[in-house]
Structure formats: structure tokens, C-alpha cells
Amino acid sequence: MRWLRLCLPFILQWTAYAMLSVDNTIWTGTVASKQEDTALPGIISDLGGIRELKAEVVFILNKALSSRNSTSTRNAVHLEVGRYAIVSKVCFDDGLCWAVKMYENRPDSIFGRAIDFGTSAADLLQRYCPRIPINTARGCGVHKLRYCFTDWVQGETLFDKYFPITTEWSPMEKSTITIPQKTVSSLAEFVYNLTTCPIPAKESKTLLSSDLIGG
């Protein structure tokens, strides 16, 4: 019994980290702009409140963990609130991390269809042009929110790099920036490879506005 008493604290700690829970998680977050201009008000309205949002996030993150037979490596969740989605990060016990993107579940809306088209396009690129550097899709699903898993890409967007986070839009609009030549050439190469990817005609489709609005 002595070994059990010695090991019990470690067993309890491992159990607490095995799967996330609302009450045992440290929550932090950042908002990209004014809260009313983000996805947060609509998501909270759909779910019923902040605690319900936390419960949904925990459910989705645990879904990712169970899909890889993994346990949570930490009991903290950081949420990045953007205009159309809330993004979080989940890391597995083998060191791999995924981005978790959560949206309002509006399957018949323009926004819902855009997610479907975007996911399908990413799948085709990975199948026919795997050398093009895009986020690797790891699966999507629907619970109370719609969600998608992709590989986590550590870095900085062009917008974040050249326009620091600010609530004042007018200075940014008047700014003059210089983008490095390497960035321009890399972007041009990416666009060229993207538009010349040999996707079979039967699997490709020209997206029209009528596809989004159901016309």
C-alpha cells in the first residue's frame, strides 16, 4: 500500500491531464478586433453563454485527443477570437499540435458553404499537389459548433507582421510598408503552383456566386 500512497499524486495528476474539463482548465484568450465585430457574440448566442462555450470547446478538443489516442499535455486553453471563427491549439503527447477552428453551425448559409468548398479544395490540393505548402486538413465535424482540425503552423501572418494589433484603423490605412522581395517571390510561386495544379477536370469546379447562394 505504501507504493500506492507514493504514486497516488502522480496518478491523479495524469488523470486530470488525460482529458480536459471545464473546471480544471486555465482559460485565456485574445480578440482580433472589437468583440462585436467577431464571431464571439453569435457563437455565445447560439450556445447560451460563456460556460456553454467552454464546455463545447472542451468537447471538441477532447475529440481531437481521442482521435489520436492521446492525452492532453497541459490543462490550459487559449482562444484566438477572429471575425468568423474561434481558433485554439491542441498538442498531443508525441509533440504534434493541431489548430482547432470552431464556427457557428450554419450549414445552409453562404458562410457554411464557403467552409465546405474551402475544405474540399484543400483535400484536392493535398491529393494531387502535396508539395504545395498548405495547412494539412485532419478532419471536420459538427457538434453544437462546426469545427475543423488542421496542422498547427507556428508563425506570423503578413497582416500581423506589418500591421500590429490596434483598435485605431486610420493610422494603419495611411501606413506605408515595404514587403521583402523574398516574400513577394514566394507568394508568386505559391499562386503559380496553386493555379497549375493538375486536378482532374471531373473533380475541379469553377465556383460561381450562385453556388454560394443556392441559385
Protein backbone atom coordinates (compact mmCIF):
# COMPACT_ATOMS: atom_id res chain seq x y z
CA MET A 1 0.00 0.00 0.00
CA ARG A 2 2.96 2.30 0.58
CA TRP A 3 3.75 2.41 -3.14
CA LEU A 4 0.14 3.39 -3.84
CA ARG A 5 0.34 6.32 -1.42
CA LEU A 6 3.56 7.47 -3.07
CA CYS A 7 2.19 7.14 -6.61
CA LEU A 8 -1.31 8.49 -5.96
CA PRO A 9 -0.42 12.20 -6.53
CA PHE A 10 1.14 11.37 -9.90
CA ILE A 11 -1.82 9.16 -10.87
CA LEU A 12 -4.27 11.93 -10.02
CA GLN A 13 -2.25 14.50 -11.95
CA TRP A 14 -2.08 12.25 -15.03
CA THR A 15 -5.83 11.61 -14.82
CA ALA A 16 -6.53 15.33 -14.64
CA TYR A 17 -4.47 15.92 -17.79
CA ALA A 18 -5.74 12.85 -19.65
CA MET A 19 -8.82 14.72 -20.83
CA LEU A 20 -9.66 18.38 -20.46
CA SER A 21 -12.56 19.56 -18.33
CA VAL A 22 -14.17 22.99 -17.95
CA ASP A 23 -13.41 23.45 -14.26
CA ASN A 24 -9.84 22.13 -14.30
CA THR A 25 -8.72 24.23 -17.26
CA ILE A 26 -6.97 27.60 -17.24
CA TRP A 27 -8.65 29.81 -19.84
CA THR A 28 -7.06 32.72 -21.72
CA GLY A 29 -7.94 34.47 -24.95
CA THR A 30 -7.30 37.30 -27.37
CA VAL A 31 -9.77 39.15 -29.58
CA ALA A 32 -8.68 40.28 -33.05
CA SER A 33 -10.81 43.43 -33.11
CA LYS A 34 -13.84 44.86 -31.35
CA GLN A 35 -15.76 41.99 -29.79
CA GLU A 36 -18.99 42.89 -31.58
CA ASP A 37 -17.19 42.52 -34.93
CA THR A 38 -16.03 38.96 -34.21
CA ALA A 39 -17.59 35.51 -34.22
CA LEU A 40 -17.93 35.56 -30.42
CA PRO A 41 -21.38 37.20 -29.96
CA GLY A 42 -23.07 34.87 -32.45
CA ILE A 43 -21.42 31.77 -31.01
CA ILE A 44 -22.30 32.70 -27.42
CA SER A 45 -25.87 33.45 -28.51
CA ASP A 46 -26.18 30.04 -30.19
CA LEU A 47 -24.69 28.13 -27.26
CA GLY A 48 -26.34 30.03 -24.41
CA GLY A 49 -23.41 31.53 -22.53
CA ILE A 50 -19.71 31.54 -21.71
CA ARG A 51 -19.79 28.32 -19.68
CA GLU A 52 -21.58 26.56 -22.53
CA LEU A 53 -18.90 27.84 -24.90
CA LYS A 54 -16.16 26.44 -22.64
CA ALA A 55 -17.97 23.10 -22.48
CA GLU A 56 -18.18 22.97 -26.29
CA VAL A 57 -14.51 23.87 -26.70
CA VAL A 58 -13.54 21.14 -24.22
CA PHE A 59 -15.71 18.61 -26.08
CA ILE A 60 -14.07 19.46 -29.41
CA LEU A 61 -10.51 19.45 -28.03
CA ASN A 62 -11.12 16.10 -26.36
CA LYS A 63 -12.48 14.84 -29.70
CA ALA A 64 -9.12 15.73 -31.26
CA LEU A 65 -7.23 14.00 -28.43
CA SER A 66 -9.27 10.81 -28.70
CA SER A 67 -8.85 10.72 -32.50
CA ARG A 68 -5.13 10.16 -31.94
CA ASN A 69 -5.44 8.09 -28.76
CA SER A 70 -3.59 10.85 -26.95
CA THR A 71 -3.84 12.67 -23.65
CA SER A 72 -3.72 16.39 -23.02
CA THR A 73 -0.22 17.72 -22.39
CA ARG A 74 -1.43 20.73 -20.38
CA ASN A 75 -4.51 21.95 -18.57
CA ALA A 76 -4.66 25.35 -20.29
CA VAL A 77 -6.65 26.54 -23.31
CA HIS A 78 -6.00 29.75 -25.23
CA LEU A 79 -8.70 31.00 -27.60
CA GLU A 80 -7.99 33.32 -30.54
CA VAL A 81 -11.23 35.06 -31.47
CA GLY A 82 -11.42 36.19 -35.09
CA ARG A 83 -14.07 37.64 -37.37
CA TYR A 84 -15.51 34.30 -38.46
CA ALA A 85 -14.12 31.69 -36.09
CA ILE A 86 -12.54 30.89 -32.77
CA VAL A 87 -9.18 29.12 -33.01
CA SER A 88 -7.41 27.10 -30.36
CA LYS A 89 -4.40 24.80 -30.22
CA VAL A 90 -4.25 21.22 -29.04
CA CYS A 91 -0.99 19.34 -28.57
CA PHE A 92 -0.58 15.58 -28.28
CA ASP A 93 1.78 13.53 -26.17
CA ASP A 94 4.00 12.83 -29.20
CA GLY A 95 4.70 16.55 -29.67
CA LEU A 96 2.43 17.12 -32.70
CA CYS A 97 -0.02 20.04 -32.49
CA TRP A 98 -3.22 20.81 -34.35
CA ALA A 99 -5.15 24.01 -34.89
CA VAL A 100 -8.81 23.71 -33.92
CA LYS A 101 -11.11 26.11 -35.81
CA MET A 102 -14.65 26.50 -34.47
CA TYR A 103 -17.53 28.20 -36.29
CA GLU A 104 -21.24 28.77 -35.90
CA ASN A 105 -23.12 25.84 -37.35
CA ARG A 106 -24.96 27.40 -40.30
CA PRO A 107 -24.97 24.65 -42.97
CA ASP A 108 -27.34 26.40 -45.38
CA SER A 109 -25.68 29.81 -45.19
CA ILE A 110 -23.15 31.32 -47.60
CA PHE A 111 -20.57 31.04 -44.84
CA GLY A 112 -21.28 27.35 -44.25
CA ARG A 113 -20.97 26.57 -47.95
CA ALA A 114 -17.72 28.53 -48.18
CA ILE A 115 -16.24 26.29 -45.46
CA ASP A 116 -17.30 23.20 -47.41
CA PHE A 117 -15.74 24.48 -50.66
CA GLY A 118 -12.54 25.51 -48.88
CA THR A 119 -12.18 22.11 -47.18
CA SER A 120 -12.80 20.28 -50.46
CA ALA A 121 -10.22 22.43 -52.27
CA ALA A 122 -7.61 21.72 -49.57
CA ASP A 123 -8.28 17.98 -49.84
CA LEU A 124 -7.76 18.05 -53.62
CA LEU A 125 -4.52 20.01 -53.31
CA GLN A 126 -3.14 17.56 -50.78
CA ARG A 127 -4.05 14.66 -53.03
CA TYR A 128 -2.73 15.98 -56.35
CA CYS A 129 -0.10 18.56 -55.34
CA PRO A 130 1.22 17.53 -51.93
CA ARG A 131 4.32 19.70 -52.33
CA ILE A 132 2.27 22.91 -52.21
CA PRO A 133 2.62 24.18 -48.63
CA ILE A 134 -0.90 24.42 -47.21
CA ASN A 135 -2.37 23.51 -43.86
CA THR A 136 -2.93 19.76 -43.74
CA ALA A 137 -6.59 19.10 -43.02
CA ARG A 138 -7.10 16.48 -40.31
CA GLY A 139 -10.87 16.28 -40.32
CA CYS A 140 -14.03 18.28 -39.66
CA GLY A 141 -17.19 17.64 -37.72
CA VAL A 142 -20.30 19.14 -36.17
CA HIS A 143 -21.42 19.11 -32.56
CA LYS A 144 -23.10 22.28 -31.32
CA LEU A 145 -20.45 24.19 -33.25
CA ARG A 146 -18.88 23.29 -36.54
CA TYR A 147 -15.16 22.53 -36.27
CA CYS A 148 -12.14 21.60 -38.35
CA PHE A 149 -8.71 20.29 -37.40
CA THR A 150 -5.58 21.25 -39.34
CA ASP A 151 -1.87 21.06 -38.65
CA TRP A 152 -0.67 23.87 -36.42
CA VAL A 153 1.62 26.25 -38.31
CA GLN A 154 3.78 28.30 -35.99
CA GLY A 155 4.48 31.71 -37.41
CA GLU A 156 3.17 35.16 -38.16
CA THR A 157 0.71 36.28 -40.83
CA LEU A 158 1.60 39.10 -43.19
CA PHE A 159 -1.14 41.18 -41.61
CA ASP A 160 0.20 40.65 -38.08
CA LYS A 161 3.76 41.26 -39.22
CA TYR A 162 3.17 44.60 -40.87
CA PHE A 163 0.11 45.87 -39.02
CA PRO A 164 0.47 45.48 -35.24
CA ILE A 165 -2.75 44.86 -33.34
CA THR A 166 -4.53 48.16 -32.82
CA THR A 167 -8.06 49.42 -32.37
CA GLU A 168 -7.21 52.53 -34.42
CA TRP A 169 -7.78 51.76 -38.08
CA SER A 170 -6.97 55.14 -39.59
CA PRO A 171 -3.19 55.06 -38.87
CA MET A 172 -2.97 51.58 -40.41
CA GLU A 173 -4.80 52.70 -43.55
CA LYS A 174 -2.31 55.53 -44.02
CA SER A 175 0.75 53.38 -43.39
CA THR A 176 3.42 52.74 -45.99
CA ILE A 177 5.08 49.36 -45.71
CA THR A 178 7.88 47.57 -47.51
CA ILE A 179 7.47 43.86 -48.14
CA PRO A 180 10.72 41.91 -48.60
CA GLN A 181 11.40 40.69 -52.13
CA LYS A 182 11.60 37.10 -50.92
CA THR A 183 8.05 37.32 -49.60
CA VAL A 184 6.81 38.61 -52.97
CA SER A 185 8.60 35.89 -54.97
CA SER A 186 7.45 33.17 -52.56
CA LEU A 187 3.86 34.35 -52.85
CA ALA A 188 4.10 34.45 -56.65
CA GLU A 189 5.49 30.91 -56.72
CA PHE A 190 2.70 29.70 -54.43
CA VAL A 191 -0.01 31.26 -56.64
CA TYR A 192 1.57 29.81 -59.78
CA ASN A 193 1.77 26.31 -58.30
CA LEU A 194 -1.77 26.63 -57.00
CA THR A 195 -3.26 27.61 -60.36
CA THR A 196 -1.32 24.99 -62.33
CA CYS A 197 -2.01 22.04 -60.03
CA PRO A 198 -3.18 19.21 -62.35
CA ILE A 199 -6.50 18.46 -60.67
CA PRO A 200 -8.65 16.28 -62.99
CA ALA A 201 -11.47 18.18 -64.69
CA LYS A 202 -14.09 15.83 -63.24
CA GLU A 203 -13.01 16.81 -59.73
CA SER A 204 -12.48 20.52 -60.32
CA LYS A 205 -15.17 23.13 -60.34
CA THR A 206 -15.40 26.85 -61.08
CA LEU A 207 -17.09 28.41 -58.09
CA LEU A 208 -19.85 30.83 -59.05
CA SER A 209 -21.79 33.16 -56.81
CA SER A 210 -24.88 31.01 -57.48
CA ASP A 211 -23.09 28.07 -55.82
CA LEU A 212 -22.88 30.03 -52.59
CA ILE A 213 -26.39 31.47 -52.61
CA GLY A 214 -28.03 28.29 -53.83
CA GLY A 215 -29.14 29.66 -57.19
